[in-house]
Amino acid sequence: MKLAVPTMISSLVMVIYNLSDTYFVGILNDPIQNAAVTLAAPVLLAFNAVNNLFGIGSSSMMSRALGRKDYDTVYRSSVFGFYCALFCGILFSAIYTIFSSSFLTLLGTSSDTVVATAGYLRWTVTCGAVPAILNVVMAYLVRSEGATLHASIGTMSGCLLNILLDPIFILPWGFDMGATGAGLATFLSNCVACIYFFILLFVKRKSTYVCIRPSMFSFRKDIVAGVCGVGIPAAIQNILNVTGMTILNNFTSSYGSEAVAAMGISQKIGMVPLYIAQGFSQGIMPLISYNYASKNIKRMKHATGFSIKISVSFMTASLLIFHFGADLLVSLFMKNETIIAYGCQFLGGLSLALPFLSLDFLAVGIFTACGMGRKTLVFALLRKIILEIPALFILDKLFPLYGLAYAQFTAELILSAIGMIVLIRLFRNLENKAGSISQ
């Protein structure tokens, strides 16, 4: 809990920060402005491909190296992750800026929503890709040595500032910039989060294993292989999430901007328990990595069992709250009766996946912590390519519009069962190996 709770709180604040854009834009009661934030979401989600590649990849490598007491690898892994993330942020910004019109078409924008979506993405991607990526990657690096509180404070500092700036830039009594103002607030808040981490690393420079000295950067084969072996599957998983969200938005946009706004609001509400469960699984990763590397399988197994109980219980409670309070929750964001009616149906379908998602997150988090990138990749392919994306096409044909909300539930129901079977087999193999070594 010492590792997981700060990460969960950080994740909760990040959810509130994500909700703040939707909430304050929703106050304008303009479906077009709200749809713009929803349509832009896949591009911002794509940042997580870089975050996962160099954040999760480097932090997993660092925690396992700490378990072996290989401190040179710890330092070099953090430097490699930091500078590769910096380069990718610059590249991401440049590619979007050059091909922005093609991206806007791909996202499913219409003549009504294209201007607002472009304004939001100008600040969050063209200007904001580098700070958005760096602050998350540095949080992962800091968390890898068990400093989850500092990682959470850094993340939360930017999130809280974003919540304060949103109404100032979005609403008529402020700068009245609408969705564009939400993008500007996000950009500034990410810059502040980066500044916190740079100050933290300077203050702790004599006691931290996180290093960003350029002289330590190298393409050492074992570090590149170790980081990419875990990071690439995690990045592919995110790219597939972006693909799935883009397909979902394109399906939904054919039913009009009100349907897009309702789906976006429902997804943002669903992010509250989802991010907390994800934060829990990320919080225990350093503990799993360290004990896996030091061969303390008993402690690793107990931590996993405890995590499953906590996470599934929380997600089941969230499912019940969403089921009985959907209309109230959706109406908090927009007072449009059509959007509320759509949103209640969407939220009901999306929430069914929550308990199963928590099991999936924990299974993938454990595979990642143990450096088992191949298993992470297989699960990513199963989730989106084999299960969820085909389900979107099938369910939209069978149950137009409303069937879209049940695609994730269909995928996670199957995937969570597979995840638990693979986890049980993994622990049996680890215990058998530990027993044979002791004999």
Foldseek 3Di string as FASTA:
>chain_A
DLLQVLLLVLLLLVLVLLVLLLQLLLVVQDLLLLLLSLLLVLLLLLLVLLLLLLQLLLLLQLLLCVLVPVLLLNAQSLQQSQVVSQVVLQVQLVVCVVCVVVSLVLSQDDPSNSVSNVLLCCQCRNVASNLSNNLSSLLSSQCSVPPNNLSSVLSNQLSVQLSVQQNQQPPPVHVNPRSNSSSNSNRVSSVSSNVSSVVVCVVCVPPDSNYNDPVSHDPPPVSVCSSNLLSNLSSLLSNLVSVLSSVLLNLQCVVPSLSSSLLSLLVSLVSNLVSSLLSSLSSCLSVLLSCVSNLVLVVNVVSLVVSLVVSLVSLVVVLVCCLVCVLVSSVSRHVDPVSSVSNSLLNNQQSLLRSLSSLLSNLLSNCSSNSVNVVSNVLSCQQRVVAQVVQCVVQCVVPNSSRNSNRNNRSSVVSSVVSVVVVVVVSVVSVVVVVVVVD
